Amino acid sequence: MKKVSSFERRQNRVRFSIKQKADGRIRLSVNRSERHIEAQLIDDKKGITLAAASSKEKSFKEKGSSIAGATLLGKTIAERALKAGIKEVVFDRGAFQFHGRIKALAEAAREAGLSF
């Protein structure tokens, strides 16, 4: 058997609960590392990514992965979602705590028009 880390267990627990409560809504998945932060809109029924934004893009080079960068990323992913016709999503924080950059991204996405 493969030994599962506490990070992976936490991530699986959160994702399982989100998929149970989603009711067919699109999932806004967030991933963060020390240097970057990324967000994707995922349709779990079809198994495809509808839109994505990352701090690795050229427009984010100045802000990087800071809270200001996460705020800009939240606004960008919300604009791309609205452009794709998506207004309601389920927020998937993965195994990360809802504070700092994750919270800034979520609040910016809400202010830009996404509801979750």
N, C-alpha and C. Protein backbone atom coordinates (compact mmCIF):
# COMPACT_ATOMS: atom_id res chain seq x y z
N MET A 1 0.83 -1.19 0.00
CA MET A 1 0.00 0.00 0.00
C MET A 1 0.87 1.25 0.00
N LYS A 2 0.38 2.25 -0.67
CA LYS A 2 1.09 3.52 -0.72
C LYS A 2 0.76 4.33 0.53
N LYS A 3 1.78 4.90 1.14
CA LYS A 3 1.57 5.74 2.29
C LYS A 3 1.11 7.12 1.82
N VAL A 4 -0.02 7.57 2.30
CA VAL A 4 -0.60 8.84 1.88
C VAL A 4 -0.22 9.90 2.90
N SER A 5 0.30 11.03 2.41
CA SER A 5 0.71 12.10 3.32
C SER A 5 -0.52 12.80 3.89
N SER A 6 -0.33 13.54 4.95
CA SER A 6 -1.44 14.26 5.57
C SER A 6 -1.97 15.33 4.62
N PHE A 7 -1.12 15.91 3.79
CA PHE A 7 -1.55 16.90 2.80
C PHE A 7 -2.52 16.25 1.80
N GLU A 8 -2.16 15.08 1.31
CA GLU A 8 -3.01 14.38 0.33
C GLU A 8 -4.33 13.93 0.97
N ARG A 9 -4.28 13.49 2.21
CA ARG A 9 -5.52 13.09 2.90
C ARG A 9 -6.46 14.28 3.07
N ARG A 10 -5.90 15.42 3.48
CA ARG A 10 -6.69 16.64 3.66
C ARG A 10 -7.29 17.08 2.32
N GLN A 11 -6.48 17.03 1.26
CA GLN A 11 -6.93 17.42 -0.07
C GLN A 11 -8.06 16.50 -0.56
N ASN A 12 -7.91 15.22 -0.38
CA ASN A 12 -8.95 14.27 -0.78
C ASN A 12 -10.23 14.48 0.00
N ARG A 13 -10.11 14.75 1.30
CA ARG A 13 -11.27 14.97 2.15
C ARG A 13 -12.05 16.21 1.69
N VAL A 14 -11.33 17.30 1.42
CA VAL A 14 -11.97 18.54 0.99
C VAL A 14 -12.62 18.35 -0.38
N ARG A 15 -11.91 17.74 -1.32
CA ARG A 15 -12.45 17.55 -2.68
C ARG A 15 -13.65 16.63 -2.69
N PHE A 16 -13.63 15.58 -1.86
CA PHE A 16 -14.77 14.67 -1.79
C PHE A 16 -16.00 15.42 -1.30
N SER A 17 -15.84 16.21 -0.26
CA SER A 17 -16.97 16.95 0.29
C SER A 17 -17.49 17.98 -0.70
N ILE A 18 -16.60 18.62 -1.45
CA ILE A 18 -17.02 19.62 -2.44
C ILE A 18 -17.79 18.94 -3.57
N LYS A 19 -17.31 17.81 -4.04
CA LYS A 19 -17.99 17.12 -5.14
C LYS A 19 -19.36 16.61 -4.71
N GLN A 20 -19.54 16.28 -3.43
CA GLN A 20 -20.84 15.84 -2.93
C GLN A 20 -21.85 16.99 -2.93
N LYS A 21 -21.38 18.20 -2.63
CA LYS A 21 -22.26 19.35 -2.48
C LYS A 21 -22.37 20.20 -3.74
N ALA A 22 -21.66 19.85 -4.79
CA ALA A 22 -21.54 20.72 -5.96
C ALA A 22 -22.84 20.87 -6.75
N ASP A 23 -23.67 19.85 -6.83
CA ASP A 23 -24.91 19.89 -7.62
C ASP A 23 -24.64 20.27 -9.06
N GLY A 24 -23.58 19.76 -9.64
CA GLY A 24 -23.30 20.01 -11.05
C GLY A 24 -22.65 21.34 -11.36
N ARG A 25 -22.33 22.11 -10.32
CA ARG A 25 -21.68 23.40 -10.56
C ARG A 25 -20.21 23.19 -10.94
N ILE A 26 -19.65 24.20 -11.57
CA ILE A 26 -18.25 24.20 -11.97
C ILE A 26 -17.40 24.41 -10.72
N ARG A 27 -16.23 23.77 -10.69
CA ARG A 27 -15.34 23.87 -9.53
C ARG A 27 -14.22 24.86 -9.81
N LEU A 28 -14.04 25.84 -8.92
CA LEU A 28 -12.92 26.78 -8.98
C LEU A 28 -11.83 26.22 -8.08
N SER A 29 -10.84 25.60 -8.70
CA SER A 29 -9.77 24.94 -7.96
C SER A 29 -8.55 25.86 -7.86
N VAL A 30 -7.99 25.96 -6.67
CA VAL A 30 -6.85 26.84 -6.42
C VAL A 30 -5.66 26.01 -5.97
N ASN A 31 -4.50 26.33 -6.52
CA ASN A 31 -3.26 25.68 -6.12
C ASN A 31 -2.23 26.76 -5.85
N ARG A 32 -1.50 26.62 -4.76
CA ARG A 32 -0.48 27.62 -4.46
C ARG A 32 0.82 26.94 -4.11
N SER A 33 1.91 27.61 -4.45
CA SER A 33 3.23 27.16 -4.05
C SER A 33 3.93 28.36 -3.43
N GLU A 34 5.17 28.22 -3.12
CA GLU A 34 5.89 29.35 -2.53
C GLU A 34 6.03 30.50 -3.51
N ARG A 35 6.18 30.18 -4.81
CA ARG A 35 6.44 31.21 -5.81
C ARG A 35 5.25 31.58 -6.67
N HIS A 36 4.25 30.70 -6.78
CA HIS A 36 3.15 30.94 -7.71
C HIS A 36 1.81 30.55 -7.11
N ILE A 37 0.75 31.06 -7.74
CA ILE A 37 -0.61 30.68 -7.40
C ILE A 37 -1.37 30.51 -8.71
N GLU A 38 -2.23 29.49 -8.75
CA GLU A 38 -2.95 29.15 -9.97
C GLU A 38 -4.41 28.88 -9.64
N ALA A 39 -5.29 29.17 -10.61
CA ALA A 39 -6.72 28.90 -10.46
C ALA A 39 -7.25 28.31 -11.75
N GLN A 40 -8.15 27.32 -11.62
CA GLN A 40 -8.75 26.68 -12.79
C GLN A 40 -10.24 26.51 -12.56
N LEU A 41 -11.01 26.64 -13.64
CA LEU A 41 -12.43 26.33 -13.61
C LEU A 41 -12.58 24.96 -14.26
N ILE A 42 -13.05 23.99 -13.48
CA ILE A 42 -13.09 22.60 -13.92
C ILE A 42 -14.53 22.10 -13.94
N ASP A 43 -14.92 21.48 -15.05
CA ASP A 43 -16.20 20.80 -15.16
C ASP A 43 -15.95 19.32 -14.87
N ASP A 44 -16.35 18.87 -13.70
CA ASP A 44 -16.07 17.50 -13.28
C ASP A 44 -16.89 16.47 -14.05
N LYS A 45 -18.07 16.85 -14.54
CA LYS A 45 -18.89 15.90 -15.29
C LYS A 45 -18.22 15.55 -16.62
N LYS A 46 -17.70 16.55 -17.30
CA LYS A 46 -17.05 16.32 -18.59
C LYS A 46 -15.56 16.03 -18.44
N GLY A 47 -14.99 16.40 -17.31
CA GLY A 47 -13.57 16.17 -17.07
C GLY A 47 -12.68 17.12 -17.85
N ILE A 48 -13.12 18.38 -18.02
CA ILE A 48 -12.34 19.35 -18.78
C ILE A 48 -12.13 20.63 -17.98
N THR A 49 -11.08 21.35 -18.33
CA THR A 49 -10.80 22.66 -17.75
C THR A 49 -11.38 23.71 -18.68
N LEU A 50 -12.24 24.57 -18.15
CA LEU A 50 -12.92 25.58 -18.96
C LEU A 50 -12.12 26.88 -19.06
N ALA A 51 -11.44 27.25 -18.00
CA ALA A 51 -10.62 28.45 -17.99
C ALA A 51 -9.56 28.31 -16.91
N ALA A 52 -8.46 29.03 -17.10
CA ALA A 52 -7.37 28.96 -16.12
C ALA A 52 -6.65 30.30 -16.07
N ALA A 53 -6.04 30.57 -14.94
CA ALA A 53 -5.19 31.76 -14.78
C ALA A 53 -4.07 31.39 -13.82
N SER A 54 -2.91 32.00 -14.02
CA SER A 54 -1.75 31.65 -13.21
C SER A 54 -0.87 32.88 -13.02
N SER A 55 -0.15 32.90 -11.92
CA SER A 55 0.80 33.99 -11.69
C SER A 55 2.04 33.83 -12.56
N LYS A 56 2.11 32.75 -13.33
CA LYS A 56 3.22 32.54 -14.25
C LYS A 56 3.04 33.31 -15.55
N GLU A 57 1.83 33.83 -15.79
CA GLU A 57 1.56 34.60 -17.00
C GLU A 57 2.30 35.93 -16.96
N LYS A 58 2.57 36.49 -18.11
CA LYS A 58 3.36 37.72 -18.20
C LYS A 58 2.70 38.90 -17.49
N SER A 59 1.37 38.97 -17.51
CA SER A 59 0.68 40.10 -16.89
C SER A 59 0.80 40.10 -15.36
N PHE A 60 1.23 38.98 -14.78
CA PHE A 60 1.35 38.89 -13.32
C PHE A 60 2.79 38.98 -12.83
N LYS A 61 3.74 39.17 -13.70
CA LYS A 61 5.15 39.14 -13.32
C LYS A 61 5.49 40.19 -12.24
N GLU A 62 4.85 41.36 -12.30
CA GLU A 62 5.14 42.40 -11.31
C GLU A 62 4.66 42.01 -9.92
N LYS A 63 3.43 41.48 -9.84
CA LYS A 63 2.84 41.18 -8.54
C LYS A 63 3.28 39.82 -8.01
N GLY A 64 3.50 38.87 -8.89
CA GLY A 64 3.94 37.55 -8.47
C GLY A 64 2.89 36.82 -7.66
N SER A 65 3.31 36.19 -6.60
CA SER A 65 2.43 35.35 -5.79
C SER A 65 2.03 36.02 -4.48
N SER A 66 2.19 37.32 -4.39
CA SER A 66 1.82 38.03 -3.16
C SER A 66 0.31 38.13 -3.04
N ILE A 67 -0.17 38.73 -1.97
CA ILE A 67 -1.61 38.93 -1.79
C ILE A 67 -2.16 39.82 -2.89
N ALA A 68 -1.39 40.83 -3.30
CA ALA A 68 -1.82 41.69 -4.41
C ALA A 68 -1.92 40.89 -5.71
N GLY A 69 -0.99 40.00 -5.92
CA GLY A 69 -1.03 39.13 -7.10
C GLY A 69 -2.21 38.18 -7.06
N ALA A 70 -2.52 37.64 -5.88
CA ALA A 70 -3.66 36.74 -5.74
C ALA A 70 -4.97 37.49 -5.98
N THR A 71 -5.05 38.74 -5.55
CA THR A 71 -6.23 39.56 -5.80
C THR A 71 -6.42 39.79 -7.29
N LEU A 72 -5.35 40.12 -7.97
CA LEU A 72 -5.40 40.31 -9.42
C LEU A 72 -5.78 39.01 -10.12
N LEU A 73 -5.27 37.91 -9.65
CA LEU A 73 -5.59 36.60 -10.22
C LEU A 73 -7.07 36.27 -10.01
N GLY A 74 -7.62 36.60 -8.86
CA GLY A 74 -9.04 36.36 -8.58
C GLY A 74 -9.93 37.16 -9.53
N LYS A 75 -9.57 38.40 -9.77
CA LYS A 75 -10.35 39.22 -10.71
C LYS A 75 -10.24 38.66 -12.13
N THR A 76 -9.05 38.23 -12.51
CA THR A 76 -8.84 37.69 -13.85
C THR A 76 -9.62 36.41 -14.08
N ILE A 77 -9.59 35.49 -13.13
CA ILE A 77 -10.31 34.23 -13.30
C ILE A 77 -11.82 34.47 -13.31
N ALA A 78 -12.29 35.46 -12.55
CA ALA A 78 -13.72 35.79 -12.57
C ALA A 78 -14.13 36.37 -13.92
N GLU A 79 -13.30 37.22 -14.48
CA GLU A 79 -13.59 37.79 -15.80
C GLU A 79 -13.64 36.68 -16.86
N ARG A 80 -12.69 35.75 -16.80
CA ARG A 80 -12.67 34.65 -17.76
C ARG A 80 -13.87 33.73 -17.57
N ALA A 81 -14.32 33.55 -16.33
CA ALA A 81 -15.49 32.72 -16.06
C ALA A 81 -16.75 33.38 -16.62
N LEU A 82 -16.90 34.67 -16.37
CA LEU A 82 -18.07 35.38 -16.87
C LEU A 82 -18.08 35.40 -18.39
N LYS A 83 -16.91 35.51 -18.99
CA LYS A 83 -16.80 35.48 -20.45
C LYS A 83 -17.24 34.11 -20.99
N ALA A 84 -16.98 33.05 -20.24
CA ALA A 84 -17.37 31.70 -20.63
C ALA A 84 -18.81 31.38 -20.24
N GLY A 85 -19.51 32.34 -19.60
CA GLY A 85 -20.90 32.14 -19.23
C GLY A 85 -21.10 31.43 -17.91
N ILE A 86 -20.12 31.47 -17.03
CA ILE A 86 -20.19 30.80 -15.73
C ILE A 86 -20.34 31.86 -14.65
N LYS A 87 -21.41 31.73 -13.84
CA LYS A 87 -21.63 32.70 -12.77
C LYS A 87 -21.56 32.06 -11.39
N GLU A 88 -21.95 30.79 -11.28
CA GLU A 88 -21.92 30.09 -10.00
C GLU A 88 -20.89 28.98 -10.03
N VAL A 89 -20.04 28.96 -9.02
CA VAL A 89 -19.00 27.94 -8.91
C VAL A 89 -18.95 27.40 -7.49
N VAL A 90 -18.20 26.35 -7.32
CA VAL A 90 -17.89 25.80 -6.00
C VAL A 90 -16.41 26.07 -5.77
N PHE A 91 -16.05 26.69 -4.65
CA PHE A 91 -14.66 27.03 -4.38
C PHE A 91 -13.94 25.84 -3.77
N ASP A 92 -12.86 25.41 -4.43
CA ASP A 92 -12.06 24.27 -3.98
C ASP A 92 -10.69 24.78 -3.54
N ARG A 93 -10.50 24.86 -2.25
CA ARG A 93 -9.24 25.37 -1.72
C ARG A 93 -8.18 24.29 -1.63
N GLY A 94 -8.55 23.07 -1.96
CA GLY A 94 -7.61 21.96 -1.86
C GLY A 94 -7.27 21.69 -0.41
N ALA A 95 -6.01 21.50 -0.10
CA ALA A 95 -5.59 21.23 1.28
C ALA A 95 -5.11 22.50 1.98
N PHE A 96 -5.29 23.65 1.32
CA PHE A 96 -4.77 24.91 1.86
C PHE A 96 -5.80 25.55 2.78
N GLN A 97 -5.32 26.23 3.82
CA GLN A 97 -6.21 26.93 4.73
C GLN A 97 -6.78 28.15 4.04
N PHE A 98 -8.00 28.54 4.42
CA PHE A 98 -8.65 29.69 3.81
C PHE A 98 -8.19 30.96 4.53
N HIS A 99 -6.99 31.41 4.18
CA HIS A 99 -6.47 32.66 4.70
C HIS A 99 -5.36 33.12 3.78
N GLY A 100 -4.93 34.34 3.92
CA GLY A 100 -3.82 34.86 3.13
C GLY A 100 -4.15 34.95 1.65
N ARG A 101 -3.30 34.36 0.82
CA ARG A 101 -3.45 34.45 -0.63
C ARG A 101 -4.70 33.75 -1.14
N ILE A 102 -5.08 32.63 -0.52
CA ILE A 102 -6.27 31.90 -0.94
C ILE A 102 -7.52 32.74 -0.66
N LYS A 103 -7.56 33.35 0.50
CA LYS A 103 -8.70 34.19 0.87
C LYS A 103 -8.77 35.43 -0.02
N ALA A 104 -7.64 36.04 -0.32
CA ALA A 104 -7.59 37.22 -1.19
C ALA A 104 -8.11 36.89 -2.59
N LEU A 105 -7.72 35.74 -3.12
CA LEU A 105 -8.19 35.30 -4.43
C LEU A 105 -9.71 35.09 -4.40
N ALA A 106 -10.22 34.43 -3.38
CA ALA A 106 -11.65 34.16 -3.28
C ALA A 106 -12.46 35.44 -3.18
N GLU A 107 -12.02 36.37 -2.34
CA GLU A 107 -12.75 37.63 -2.17
C GLU A 107 -12.74 38.46 -3.44
N ALA A 108 -11.63 38.48 -4.15
CA ALA A 108 -11.54 39.22 -5.41
C ALA A 108 -12.46 38.61 -6.47
N ALA A 109 -12.54 37.29 -6.51
CA ALA A 109 -13.41 36.61 -7.47
C ALA A 109 -14.88 36.91 -7.16
N ARG A 110 -15.22 36.96 -5.87
CA ARG A 110 -16.60 37.30 -5.48
C ARG A 110 -16.94 38.74 -5.87
N GLU A 111 -16.02 39.65 -5.62
CA GLU A 111 -16.25 41.06 -5.96
C GLU A 111 -16.38 41.25 -7.46
N ALA A 112 -15.70 40.43 -8.25
CA ALA A 112 -15.72 40.56 -9.71
C ALA A 112 -16.96 39.90 -10.34
N GLY A 113 -17.79 39.23 -9.55
CA GLY A 113 -19.04 38.72 -10.09
C GLY A 113 -19.32 37.24 -9.94
N LEU A 114 -18.38 36.44 -9.45
CA LEU A 114 -18.65 35.03 -9.24
C LEU A 114 -19.39 34.84 -7.91
N SER A 115 -20.27 33.87 -7.87
CA SER A 115 -20.93 33.59 -6.60
C SER A 115 -20.61 32.17 -6.15
N PHE A 116 -20.17 32.06 -4.90
CA PHE A 116 -19.90 30.77 -4.26
C PHE A 116 -19.94 30.94 -2.78
